[in-house]
Amino acid sequence: MLVTLSYSCFGYVAYIFFTWFFIYLNTVRKLDLKSSSFYGMLPFIAMAVFSPFGGWISDRLTKRYGKRLGRCRFACASIALAAVFIALSTKAADARLATVVLAGGAGALYLSTSVFWSMSADLGGSAAGTVSGVMNTGNQMAGAATAVATPWIAAHFGWTASFLTAAALCVVGSLAWLMVDPERRLAERSIKPACIKVVAD
């Protein structure tokens, strides 16, 4: 449930980039169509680069220091870093600088992507498919909520509030990892020894 909570927070923030980022650049930050298209790519480039890079870092930390640091602490730190970047972007007066900072937030967020799926397998054991399905359902539901909540918050409280809400959810998602026990198995694999029938000649 803690991993699902964190991945739901992850999904809410990620889907802001998928659904509203281009509109934000064009209508709020007043970038023209060409500039909005160019700068709108930056978060997705950061996601594509940092997602496998995060997996590589996590694997090496886990091999050397164990799952608590390599998985849980690493995910906690990367999502917390995303919160910092997203919050700082609201202070940037220049639209292009704000976009670069937000791209940093997207990249930091996606550093943790592989950890969610690694932990769903580690925690789930023989029920890893069920665990990952529940986790991803939380992510998708939060993503759907983003489509409605982000413009509603922006309309009533401003776009700064929308991004600060995302940053706050990053903090929640980050802190959830501090309570995850990476050694706990929700379902143990049941391996039965093969029966060998010996037939005498």
N, C-alpha and C. Protein backbone atom coordinates (compact mmCIF):
# COMPACT_ATOMS: atom_id res chain seq x y z
N MET A 1 0.82 -1.21 0.00
CA MET A 1 0.00 0.00 0.00
C MET A 1 0.86 1.27 0.00
N LEU A 2 1.98 1.22 0.70
CA LEU A 2 2.88 2.38 0.73
C LEU A 2 3.50 2.61 -0.65
N VAL A 3 3.91 1.54 -1.30
CA VAL A 3 4.47 1.67 -2.65
C VAL A 3 3.40 2.18 -3.61
N THR A 4 2.17 1.69 -3.46
CA THR A 4 1.07 2.16 -4.30
C THR A 4 0.78 3.64 -4.03
N LEU A 5 0.81 4.04 -2.77
CA LEU A 5 0.62 5.46 -2.44
C LEU A 5 1.68 6.31 -3.12
N SER A 6 2.93 5.88 -3.02
CA SER A 6 4.01 6.64 -3.63
C SER A 6 3.87 6.70 -5.15
N TYR A 7 3.49 5.56 -5.75
CA TYR A 7 3.36 5.54 -7.21
C TYR A 7 2.15 6.35 -7.67
N SER A 8 1.16 6.47 -6.82
CA SER A 8 0.01 7.33 -7.14
C SER A 8 0.44 8.80 -7.15
N CYS A 9 1.24 9.18 -6.15
CA CYS A 9 1.78 10.55 -6.13
C CYS A 9 2.65 10.78 -7.35
N PHE A 10 3.47 9.80 -7.69
CA PHE A 10 4.30 9.84 -8.89
C PHE A 10 3.43 10.08 -10.12
N GLY A 11 2.34 9.31 -10.24
CA GLY A 11 1.47 9.41 -11.40
C GLY A 11 0.81 10.77 -11.53
N TYR A 12 0.36 11.33 -10.41
CA TYR A 12 -0.26 12.66 -10.45
C TYR A 12 0.71 13.67 -11.04
N VAL A 13 1.94 13.65 -10.57
CA VAL A 13 2.94 14.62 -11.03
C VAL A 13 3.32 14.37 -12.48
N ALA A 14 3.58 13.11 -12.82
CA ALA A 14 4.00 12.78 -14.18
C ALA A 14 2.96 13.20 -15.21
N TYR A 15 1.68 13.00 -14.87
CA TYR A 15 0.62 13.29 -15.85
C TYR A 15 0.40 14.79 -16.05
N ILE A 16 0.92 15.61 -15.17
CA ILE A 16 0.88 17.05 -15.45
C ILE A 16 1.68 17.34 -16.71
N PHE A 17 2.82 16.67 -16.86
CA PHE A 17 3.63 16.86 -18.06
C PHE A 17 2.94 16.28 -19.29
N PHE A 18 2.25 15.16 -19.11
CA PHE A 18 1.59 14.53 -20.25
C PHE A 18 0.36 15.31 -20.73
N THR A 19 -0.35 15.95 -19.79
CA THR A 19 -1.64 16.55 -20.15
C THR A 19 -1.64 18.07 -20.24
N TRP A 20 -0.91 18.74 -19.37
CA TRP A 20 -1.06 20.19 -19.26
C TRP A 20 0.19 21.00 -19.54
N PHE A 21 1.32 20.37 -19.69
CA PHE A 21 2.58 21.12 -19.76
C PHE A 21 2.65 22.02 -20.99
N PHE A 22 2.29 21.49 -22.15
CA PHE A 22 2.34 22.30 -23.37
C PHE A 22 1.39 23.49 -23.27
N ILE A 23 0.19 23.25 -22.75
CA ILE A 23 -0.80 24.33 -22.59
C ILE A 23 -0.29 25.37 -21.61
N TYR A 24 0.35 24.91 -20.56
CA TYR A 24 0.94 25.83 -19.57
C TYR A 24 1.98 26.73 -20.22
N LEU A 25 2.87 26.15 -21.03
CA LEU A 25 3.89 26.95 -21.68
C LEU A 25 3.29 27.96 -22.64
N ASN A 26 2.29 27.52 -23.39
CA ASN A 26 1.72 28.36 -24.43
C ASN A 26 0.79 29.44 -23.90
N THR A 27 -0.06 29.10 -22.96
CA THR A 27 -1.08 30.05 -22.51
C THR A 27 -0.71 30.81 -21.24
N VAL A 28 0.10 30.19 -20.38
CA VAL A 28 0.45 30.84 -19.12
C VAL A 28 1.80 31.52 -19.22
N ARG A 29 2.78 30.79 -19.73
CA ARG A 29 4.12 31.35 -19.86
C ARG A 29 4.31 32.16 -21.15
N LYS A 30 3.30 32.12 -22.02
CA LYS A 30 3.24 32.96 -23.23
C LYS A 30 4.36 32.67 -24.24
N LEU A 31 4.79 31.41 -24.30
CA LEU A 31 5.73 31.04 -25.35
C LEU A 31 4.97 30.82 -26.64
N ASP A 32 5.58 31.17 -27.77
CA ASP A 32 4.90 30.95 -29.04
C ASP A 32 4.87 29.45 -29.34
N LEU A 33 4.18 29.11 -30.43
CA LEU A 33 3.96 27.69 -30.74
C LEU A 33 5.27 26.94 -30.94
N LYS A 34 6.21 27.55 -31.66
CA LYS A 34 7.49 26.91 -31.93
C LYS A 34 8.29 26.71 -30.63
N SER A 35 8.35 27.75 -29.81
CA SER A 35 9.09 27.65 -28.55
C SER A 35 8.44 26.67 -27.59
N SER A 36 7.10 26.68 -27.56
CA SER A 36 6.38 25.75 -26.69
C SER A 36 6.67 24.31 -27.09
N SER A 37 6.73 24.07 -28.40
CA SER A 37 7.01 22.72 -28.90
C SER A 37 8.42 22.30 -28.52
N PHE A 38 9.39 23.22 -28.68
CA PHE A 38 10.78 22.90 -28.39
C PHE A 38 10.99 22.66 -26.90
N TYR A 39 10.57 23.62 -26.08
CA TYR A 39 10.79 23.49 -24.64
C TYR A 39 9.89 22.42 -24.02
N GLY A 40 8.76 22.15 -24.68
CA GLY A 40 7.88 21.10 -24.19
C GLY A 40 8.48 19.71 -24.30
N MET A 41 9.52 19.56 -25.15
CA MET A 41 10.19 18.26 -25.28
C MET A 41 11.11 17.96 -24.11
N LEU A 42 11.62 19.00 -23.45
CA LEU A 42 12.67 18.81 -22.47
C LEU A 42 12.31 17.85 -21.34
N PRO A 43 11.12 17.96 -20.73
CA PRO A 43 10.80 17.00 -19.66
C PRO A 43 10.80 15.56 -20.14
N PHE A 44 10.34 15.33 -21.37
CA PHE A 44 10.25 13.97 -21.87
C PHE A 44 11.63 13.41 -22.24
N ILE A 45 12.51 14.28 -22.70
CA ILE A 45 13.90 13.87 -22.90
C ILE A 45 14.53 13.49 -21.57
N ALA A 46 14.28 14.33 -20.55
CA ALA A 46 14.81 14.03 -19.22
C ALA A 46 14.27 12.71 -18.69
N MET A 47 12.98 12.46 -18.89
CA MET A 47 12.38 11.19 -18.46
C MET A 47 13.05 10.01 -19.14
N ALA A 48 13.24 10.12 -20.46
CA ALA A 48 13.81 9.03 -21.24
C ALA A 48 15.25 8.73 -20.82
N VAL A 49 16.00 9.77 -20.46
CA VAL A 49 17.40 9.60 -20.07
C VAL A 49 17.52 9.09 -18.64
N PHE A 50 16.77 9.70 -17.73
CA PHE A 50 16.95 9.41 -16.32
C PHE A 50 16.27 8.12 -15.85
N SER A 51 15.27 7.64 -16.58
CA SER A 51 14.61 6.40 -16.17
C SER A 51 15.57 5.21 -16.18
N PRO A 52 16.25 4.91 -17.29
CA PRO A 52 17.22 3.80 -17.25
C PRO A 52 18.44 4.10 -16.38
N PHE A 53 18.84 5.37 -16.33
CA PHE A 53 19.98 5.76 -15.50
C PHE A 53 19.67 5.51 -14.03
N GLY A 54 18.44 5.80 -13.63
CA GLY A 54 18.03 5.54 -12.25
C GLY A 54 18.05 4.06 -11.93
N GLY A 55 17.63 3.24 -12.89
CA GLY A 55 17.68 1.79 -12.68
C GLY A 55 19.10 1.30 -12.51
N TRP A 56 20.00 1.85 -13.30
CA TRP A 56 21.41 1.46 -13.22
C TRP A 56 22.00 1.84 -11.86
N ILE A 57 21.69 3.07 -11.40
CA ILE A 57 22.19 3.51 -10.10
C ILE A 57 21.62 2.64 -8.98
N SER A 58 20.30 2.40 -9.04
CA SER A 58 19.64 1.62 -8.00
C SER A 58 20.23 0.21 -7.90
N ASP A 59 20.46 -0.42 -9.03
CA ASP A 59 21.02 -1.78 -9.02
C ASP A 59 22.40 -1.81 -8.37
N ARG A 60 23.22 -0.83 -8.68
CA ARG A 60 24.56 -0.81 -8.11
C ARG A 60 24.56 -0.50 -6.63
N LEU A 61 23.69 0.43 -6.22
CA LEU A 61 23.58 0.72 -4.79
C LEU A 61 23.04 -0.49 -4.03
N THR A 62 22.09 -1.18 -4.63
CA THR A 62 21.50 -2.35 -3.98
C THR A 62 22.53 -3.47 -3.84
N LYS A 63 23.30 -3.67 -4.88
CA LYS A 63 24.33 -4.72 -4.84
C LYS A 63 25.36 -4.44 -3.76
N ARG A 64 25.69 -3.17 -3.57
CA ARG A 64 26.74 -2.82 -2.61
C ARG A 64 26.22 -2.60 -1.20
N TYR A 65 25.04 -1.98 -1.07
CA TYR A 65 24.57 -1.58 0.26
C TYR A 65 23.25 -2.25 0.69
N GLY A 66 22.61 -2.97 -0.20
CA GLY A 66 21.35 -3.61 0.15
C GLY A 66 20.14 -2.84 -0.36
N LYS A 67 18.98 -3.48 -0.24
CA LYS A 67 17.75 -2.92 -0.80
C LYS A 67 17.25 -1.67 -0.07
N ARG A 68 17.50 -1.59 1.22
CA ARG A 68 16.98 -0.44 1.95
C ARG A 68 17.56 0.86 1.42
N LEU A 69 18.84 0.85 1.12
CA LEU A 69 19.46 2.05 0.55
C LEU A 69 19.29 2.10 -0.96
N GLY A 70 19.56 0.98 -1.62
CA GLY A 70 19.53 0.96 -3.08
C GLY A 70 18.16 1.12 -3.69
N ARG A 71 17.14 0.69 -2.98
CA ARG A 71 15.77 0.83 -3.47
C ARG A 71 15.05 1.97 -2.72
N CYS A 72 14.81 1.74 -1.43
CA CYS A 72 13.95 2.67 -0.67
C CYS A 72 14.55 4.07 -0.51
N ARG A 73 15.78 4.15 -0.03
CA ARG A 73 16.39 5.47 0.19
C ARG A 73 16.63 6.19 -1.13
N PHE A 74 17.00 5.43 -2.15
CA PHE A 74 17.24 6.04 -3.46
C PHE A 74 15.95 6.63 -4.03
N ALA A 75 14.85 5.87 -3.95
CA ALA A 75 13.56 6.38 -4.44
C ALA A 75 13.12 7.59 -3.63
N CYS A 76 13.30 7.51 -2.32
CA CYS A 76 12.95 8.63 -1.44
C CYS A 76 13.70 9.89 -1.85
N ALA A 77 15.00 9.77 -2.09
CA ALA A 77 15.83 10.93 -2.43
C ALA A 77 15.48 11.50 -3.80
N SER A 78 15.26 10.63 -4.78
CA SER A 78 14.99 11.12 -6.13
C SER A 78 13.63 11.82 -6.23
N ILE A 79 12.62 11.27 -5.54
CA ILE A 79 11.30 11.92 -5.58
C ILE A 79 11.33 13.23 -4.78
N ALA A 80 12.07 13.25 -3.69
CA ALA A 80 12.24 14.49 -2.93
C ALA A 80 12.94 15.56 -3.78
N LEU A 81 13.93 15.14 -4.56
CA LEU A 81 14.62 16.07 -5.45
C LEU A 81 13.66 16.63 -6.50
N ALA A 82 12.75 15.79 -6.98
CA ALA A 82 11.73 16.26 -7.93
C ALA A 82 10.87 17.35 -7.29
N ALA A 83 10.53 17.16 -6.01
CA ALA A 83 9.73 18.18 -5.30
C ALA A 83 10.46 19.51 -5.25
N VAL A 84 11.76 19.46 -5.01
CA VAL A 84 12.55 20.69 -4.94
C VAL A 84 12.55 21.41 -6.29
N PHE A 85 12.81 20.67 -7.35
CA PHE A 85 12.84 21.27 -8.69
C PHE A 85 11.50 21.88 -9.06
N ILE A 86 10.43 21.13 -8.81
CA ILE A 86 9.10 21.62 -9.18
C ILE A 86 8.73 22.87 -8.40
N ALA A 87 9.05 22.89 -7.11
CA ALA A 87 8.77 24.07 -6.29
C ALA A 87 9.60 25.26 -6.76
N LEU A 88 10.87 25.02 -7.08
CA LEU A 88 11.74 26.11 -7.54
C LEU A 88 11.28 26.69 -8.88
N SER A 89 10.67 25.87 -9.71
CA SER A 89 10.23 26.37 -11.02
C SER A 89 9.21 27.48 -10.91
N THR A 90 8.45 27.50 -9.81
CA THR A 90 7.45 28.54 -9.63
C THR A 90 8.07 29.90 -9.34
N LYS A 91 9.36 29.89 -8.94
CA LYS A 91 10.06 31.14 -8.63
C LYS A 91 10.78 31.71 -9.84
N ALA A 92 10.85 30.94 -10.92
CA ALA A 92 11.58 31.39 -12.12
C ALA A 92 10.71 32.33 -12.94
N ALA A 93 11.15 33.55 -13.10
CA ALA A 93 10.39 34.53 -13.87
C ALA A 93 10.48 34.25 -15.36
N ASP A 94 11.63 33.79 -15.82
CA ASP A 94 11.82 33.51 -17.24
C ASP A 94 11.20 32.17 -17.59
N ALA A 95 10.38 32.16 -18.65
CA ALA A 95 9.65 30.95 -19.03
C ALA A 95 10.59 29.82 -19.41
N ARG A 96 11.67 30.15 -20.11
CA ARG A 96 12.60 29.11 -20.56
C ARG A 96 13.35 28.50 -19.39
N LEU A 97 13.75 29.33 -18.44
CA LEU A 97 14.41 28.82 -17.25
C LEU A 97 13.46 27.93 -16.45
N ALA A 98 12.22 28.35 -16.34
CA ALA A 98 11.23 27.56 -15.61
C ALA A 98 11.06 26.19 -16.25
N THR A 99 11.09 26.16 -17.58
CA THR A 99 10.94 24.90 -18.30
C THR A 99 12.11 23.97 -18.04
N VAL A 100 13.31 24.52 -18.04
CA VAL A 100 14.50 23.72 -17.77
C VAL A 100 14.46 23.16 -16.35
N VAL A 101 14.03 23.97 -15.39
CA VAL A 101 13.94 23.52 -14.00
C VAL A 101 12.88 22.43 -13.87
N LEU A 102 11.74 22.61 -14.54
CA LEU A 102 10.69 21.59 -14.51
C LEU A 102 11.16 20.30 -15.17
N ALA A 103 11.96 20.43 -16.22
CA ALA A 103 12.52 19.24 -16.86
C ALA A 103 13.43 18.50 -15.87
N GLY A 104 14.16 19.27 -15.06
CA GLY A 104 14.97 18.65 -14.01
C GLY A 104 14.10 17.90 -13.03
N GLY A 105 12.93 18.47 -12.70
CA GLY A 105 12.00 17.79 -11.81
C GLY A 105 11.47 16.50 -12.41
N ALA A 106 11.15 16.54 -13.71
CA ALA A 106 10.67 15.33 -14.39
C ALA A 106 11.75 14.26 -14.41
N GLY A 107 12.98 14.67 -14.69
CA GLY A 107 14.09 13.72 -14.71
C GLY A 107 14.33 13.10 -13.34
N ALA A 108 14.31 13.94 -12.30
CA ALA A 108 14.52 13.44 -10.94
C ALA A 108 13.41 12.46 -10.54
N LEU A 109 12.18 12.78 -10.92
CA LEU A 109 11.05 11.91 -10.64
C LEU A 109 11.25 10.54 -11.29
N TYR A 110 11.68 10.55 -12.54
CA TYR A 110 11.82 9.31 -13.29
C TYR A 110 13.08 8.52 -12.94
N LEU A 111 13.96 9.09 -12.14
CA LEU A 111 15.05 8.30 -11.59
C LEU A 111 14.51 7.13 -10.76
N SER A 112 13.34 7.34 -10.19
CA SER A 112 12.78 6.33 -9.28
C SER A 112 11.90 5.30 -9.97
N THR A 113 11.64 5.45 -11.27
CA THR A 113 10.68 4.58 -11.96
C THR A 113 11.00 3.10 -11.78
N SER A 114 12.22 2.72 -12.05
CA SER A 114 12.58 1.30 -12.01
C SER A 114 12.45 0.72 -10.61
N VAL A 115 12.61 1.56 -9.60
CA VAL A 115 12.53 1.06 -8.22
C VAL A 115 11.13 0.54 -7.92
N PHE A 116 10.11 1.26 -8.41
CA PHE A 116 8.74 0.81 -8.17
C PHE A 116 8.52 -0.61 -8.71
N TRP A 117 8.99 -0.84 -9.93
CA TRP A 117 8.76 -2.14 -10.55
C TRP A 117 9.66 -3.21 -9.95
N SER A 118 10.87 -2.84 -9.56
CA SER A 118 11.74 -3.79 -8.88
C SER A 118 11.13 -4.22 -7.55
N MET A 119 10.61 -3.25 -6.80
CA MET A 119 10.05 -3.56 -5.49
C MET A 119 8.74 -4.32 -5.61
N SER A 120 7.97 -4.10 -6.67
CA SER A 120 6.73 -4.87 -6.83
C SER A 120 7.06 -6.35 -7.01
N ALA A 121 8.18 -6.62 -7.69
CA ALA A 121 8.61 -8.01 -7.85
C ALA A 121 9.18 -8.56 -6.54
N ASP A 122 9.99 -7.75 -5.86
CA ASP A 122 10.60 -8.18 -4.60
C ASP A 122 9.56 -8.43 -3.51
N LEU A 123 8.63 -7.49 -3.38
CA LEU A 123 7.62 -7.61 -2.33
C LEU A 123 6.55 -8.63 -2.67
N GLY A 124 6.22 -8.70 -3.96
CA GLY A 124 5.11 -9.56 -4.37
C GLY A 124 5.43 -11.03 -4.38
N GLY A 125 6.70 -11.39 -4.63
CA GLY A 125 7.03 -12.79 -4.73
C GLY A 125 6.23 -13.45 -5.84
N SER A 126 5.54 -14.53 -5.50
CA SER A 126 4.74 -15.23 -6.50
C SER A 126 3.51 -14.43 -6.92
N ALA A 127 3.18 -13.38 -6.16
CA ALA A 127 2.04 -12.51 -6.49
C ALA A 127 2.50 -11.18 -7.07
N ALA A 128 3.68 -11.17 -7.69
CA ALA A 128 4.24 -9.92 -8.22
C ALA A 128 3.33 -9.29 -9.26
N GLY A 129 2.65 -10.10 -10.05
CA GLY A 129 1.72 -9.55 -11.05
C GLY A 129 0.57 -8.79 -10.41
N THR A 130 0.02 -9.34 -9.33
CA THR A 130 -1.06 -8.68 -8.61
C THR A 130 -0.59 -7.39 -7.97
N VAL A 131 0.58 -7.46 -7.33
CA VAL A 131 1.13 -6.28 -6.67
C VAL A 131 1.39 -5.16 -7.67
N SER A 132 2.02 -5.49 -8.79
CA SER A 132 2.31 -4.45 -9.79
C SER A 132 1.03 -3.93 -10.42
N GLY A 133 0.01 -4.79 -10.55
CA GLY A 133 -1.27 -4.34 -11.09
C GLY A 133 -1.96 -3.34 -10.18
N VAL A 134 -1.96 -3.62 -8.87
CA VAL A 134 -2.55 -2.70 -7.89
C VAL A 134 -1.78 -1.39 -7.88
N MET A 135 -0.46 -1.50 -7.89
CA MET A 135 0.39 -0.31 -7.88
C MET A 135 0.13 0.57 -9.10
N ASN A 136 0.05 -0.05 -10.26
CA ASN A 136 -0.16 0.71 -11.48
C ASN A 136 -1.57 1.29 -11.57
N THR A 137 -2.54 0.62 -10.96
CA THR A 137 -3.90 1.16 -10.91
C THR A 137 -3.92 2.47 -10.14
N GLY A 138 -3.20 2.50 -9.02
CA GLY A 138 -3.10 3.75 -8.25
C GLY A 138 -2.48 4.85 -9.08
N ASN A 139 -1.45 4.52 -9.84
CA ASN A 139 -0.78 5.49 -10.70
C ASN A 139 -1.73 6.05 -11.75
N GLN A 140 -2.48 5.17 -12.41
CA GLN A 140 -3.37 5.60 -13.48
C GLN A 140 -4.56 6.41 -12.95
N MET A 141 -5.07 6.02 -11.79
CA MET A 141 -6.17 6.79 -11.20
C MET A 141 -5.72 8.19 -10.82
N ALA A 142 -4.51 8.29 -10.28
CA ALA A 142 -3.97 9.61 -9.95
C ALA A 142 -3.74 10.43 -11.20
N GLY A 143 -3.28 9.76 -12.27
CA GLY A 143 -3.10 10.45 -13.54
C GLY A 143 -4.41 11.00 -14.08
N ALA A 144 -5.47 10.22 -13.93
CA ALA A 144 -6.79 10.70 -14.36
C ALA A 144 -7.24 11.89 -13.52
N ALA A 145 -6.93 11.85 -12.22
CA ALA A 145 -7.29 12.97 -11.34
C ALA A 145 -6.56 14.24 -11.74
N THR A 146 -5.33 14.09 -12.23
CA THR A 146 -4.55 15.24 -12.65
C THR A 146 -5.25 16.05 -13.73
N ALA A 147 -5.88 15.33 -14.67
CA ALA A 147 -6.54 16.00 -15.79
C ALA A 147 -7.62 16.96 -15.33
N VAL A 148 -8.25 16.64 -14.18
CA VAL A 148 -9.32 17.49 -13.64
C VAL A 148 -8.79 18.45 -12.58
N ALA A 149 -7.97 17.93 -11.68
CA ALA A 149 -7.54 18.73 -10.52
C ALA A 149 -6.60 19.86 -10.90
N THR A 150 -5.67 19.61 -11.81
CA THR A 150 -4.67 20.64 -12.16
C THR A 150 -5.31 21.92 -12.69
N PRO A 151 -6.20 21.85 -13.70
CA PRO A 151 -6.82 23.10 -14.16
C PRO A 151 -7.77 23.72 -13.14
N TRP A 152 -8.40 22.88 -12.31
CA TRP A 152 -9.30 23.41 -11.28
C TRP A 152 -8.50 24.22 -10.26
N ILE A 153 -7.39 23.66 -9.80
CA ILE A 153 -6.54 24.38 -8.85
C ILE A 153 -6.01 25.66 -9.48
N ALA A 154 -5.59 25.56 -10.75
CA ALA A 154 -5.05 26.73 -11.45
C ALA A 154 -6.10 27.82 -11.60
N ALA A 155 -7.34 27.42 -11.89
CA ALA A 155 -8.41 28.41 -12.08
C ALA A 155 -8.78 29.11 -10.79
N HIS A 156 -8.70 28.41 -9.67
CA HIS A 156 -9.12 28.98 -8.39
C HIS A 156 -7.98 29.60 -7.58
N PHE A 157 -6.78 29.05 -7.75
CA PHE A 157 -5.66 29.49 -6.90
C PHE A 157 -4.41 29.88 -7.69
N GLY A 158 -4.43 29.65 -9.00
CA GLY A 158 -3.27 30.00 -9.82
C GLY A 158 -2.40 28.79 -10.15
N TRP A 159 -1.62 28.93 -11.20
CA TRP A 159 -0.76 27.83 -11.64
C TRP A 159 0.37 27.54 -10.65
N THR A 160 0.79 28.55 -9.91
CA THR A 160 1.80 28.29 -8.88
C THR A 160 1.28 27.27 -7.88
N ALA A 161 0.01 27.40 -7.50
CA ALA A 161 -0.60 26.45 -6.56
C ALA A 161 -0.67 25.05 -7.16
N SER A 162 -0.91 24.97 -8.47
CA SER A 162 -0.96 23.65 -9.12
C SER A 162 0.37 22.94 -9.02
N PHE A 163 1.44 23.68 -9.27
CA PHE A 163 2.76 23.05 -9.20
C PHE A 163 3.21 22.81 -7.76
N LEU A 164 2.82 23.68 -6.85
CA LEU A 164 3.15 23.43 -5.44
C LEU A 164 2.39 22.22 -4.91
N THR A 165 1.18 21.99 -5.41
CA THR A 165 0.44 20.77 -5.06
C THR A 165 1.20 19.54 -5.53
N ALA A 166 1.71 19.62 -6.75
CA ALA A 166 2.51 18.51 -7.28
C ALA A 166 3.76 18.29 -6.43
N ALA A 167 4.41 19.38 -6.04
CA ALA A 167 5.61 19.26 -5.20
C ALA A 167 5.26 18.63 -3.85
N ALA A 168 4.12 19.03 -3.28
CA ALA A 168 3.70 18.46 -2.00
C ALA A 168 3.43 16.97 -2.12
N LEU A 169 2.84 16.55 -3.23
CA LEU A 169 2.59 15.13 -3.44
C LEU A 169 3.90 14.36 -3.62
N CYS A 170 4.89 15.01 -4.22
CA CYS A 170 6.22 14.40 -4.30
C CYS A 170 6.78 14.15 -2.91
N VAL A 171 6.57 15.09 -2.01
CA VAL A 171 7.04 14.93 -0.63
C VAL A 171 6.35 13.73 0.02
N VAL A 172 5.04 13.62 -0.18
CA VAL A 172 4.29 12.48 0.37
C VAL A 172 4.82 11.17 -0.21
N GLY A 173 4.99 11.15 -1.54
CA GLY A 173 5.50 9.94 -2.19
C GLY A 173 6.90 9.59 -1.75
N SER A 174 7.70 10.61 -1.48
CA SER A 174 9.06 10.38 -1.00
C SER A 174 9.07 9.78 0.40
N LEU A 175 8.30 10.36 1.29
CA LEU A 175 8.26 9.91 2.68
C LEU A 175 7.71 8.49 2.82
N ALA A 176 6.82 8.10 1.91
CA ALA A 176 6.25 6.75 1.98
C ALA A 176 7.34 5.69 1.89
N TRP A 177 8.39 5.98 1.12
CA TRP A 177 9.47 5.01 0.96
C TRP A 177 10.25 4.76 2.24
N LEU A 178 10.22 5.71 3.17
CA LEU A 178 10.93 5.53 4.42
C LEU A 178 10.28 4.46 5.30
N MET A 179 9.02 4.14 5.02
CA MET A 179 8.29 3.16 5.82
C MET A 179 8.16 1.80 5.14
N VAL A 180 8.72 1.68 3.93
CA VAL A 180 8.65 0.40 3.21
C VAL A 180 9.73 -0.54 3.72
N ASP A 181 9.34 -1.75 4.03
CA ASP A 181 10.30 -2.79 4.42
C ASP A 181 10.67 -3.58 3.17
N PRO A 182 11.85 -3.39 2.62
CA PRO A 182 12.20 -4.03 1.35
C PRO A 182 12.42 -5.53 1.45
N GLU A 183 12.52 -6.04 2.68
CA GLU A 183 12.76 -7.48 2.85
C GLU A 183 11.47 -8.26 3.08
N ARG A 184 10.36 -7.56 3.18
CA ARG A 184 9.10 -8.23 3.45
C ARG A 184 8.53 -8.83 2.16
N ARG A 185 8.04 -10.03 2.25
CA ARG A 185 7.38 -10.69 1.13
C ARG A 185 5.89 -10.80 1.41
N LEU A 186 5.08 -10.35 0.47
CA LEU A 186 3.63 -10.49 0.64
C LEU A 186 3.18 -11.90 0.32
N ALA A 187 3.92 -12.56 -0.56
CA ALA A 187 3.59 -13.94 -0.91
C ALA A 187 4.88 -14.69 -1.16
N GLU A 188 5.02 -15.80 -0.51
CA GLU A 188 6.22 -16.61 -0.69
C GLU A 188 6.01 -17.58 -1.85
N ARG A 189 7.06 -17.79 -2.59
CA ARG A 189 6.99 -18.77 -3.66
C ARG A 189 6.90 -20.17 -3.06
N SER A 190 6.00 -20.91 -3.60
CA SER A 190 5.85 -22.29 -3.12
C SER A 190 6.47 -23.22 -4.17
N ILE A 191 7.58 -23.82 -3.81
CA ILE A 191 8.28 -24.69 -4.74
C ILE A 191 8.21 -26.11 -4.21
N LYS A 192 7.53 -26.94 -4.94
CA LYS A 192 7.39 -28.33 -4.51
C LYS A 192 8.43 -29.18 -5.24
N PRO A 193 9.10 -30.05 -4.50
CA PRO A 193 10.09 -30.89 -5.17
C PRO A 193 9.42 -31.83 -6.16
N ALA A 194 10.08 -32.02 -7.26
CA ALA A 194 9.53 -32.91 -8.28
C ALA A 194 9.53 -34.34 -7.77
N CYS A 195 8.47 -35.06 -8.05
CA CYS A 195 8.38 -36.45 -7.66
C CYS A 195 9.01 -37.31 -8.75
N ILE A 196 9.93 -38.15 -8.35
CA ILE A 196 10.61 -39.01 -9.31
C ILE A 196 10.17 -40.45 -9.08
N LYS A 197 9.61 -41.01 -10.07
CA LYS A 197 9.14 -42.38 -9.95
C LYS A 197 10.21 -43.32 -10.52
N VAL A 198 10.66 -44.19 -9.70
CA VAL A 198 11.68 -45.14 -10.13
C VAL A 198 10.99 -46.46 -10.48
N VAL A 199 11.19 -46.86 -11.67
CA VAL A 199 10.59 -48.11 -12.12
C VAL A 199 11.70 -49.16 -12.24
N ALA A 200 11.53 -50.21 -11.49
CA ALA A 200 12.53 -51.27 -11.53
C ALA A 200 12.37 -52.10 -12.79
N ASP A 201 13.49 -52.52 -13.29
CA ASP A 201 13.46 -53.38 -14.49
C ASP A 201 12.91 -54.75 -14.10
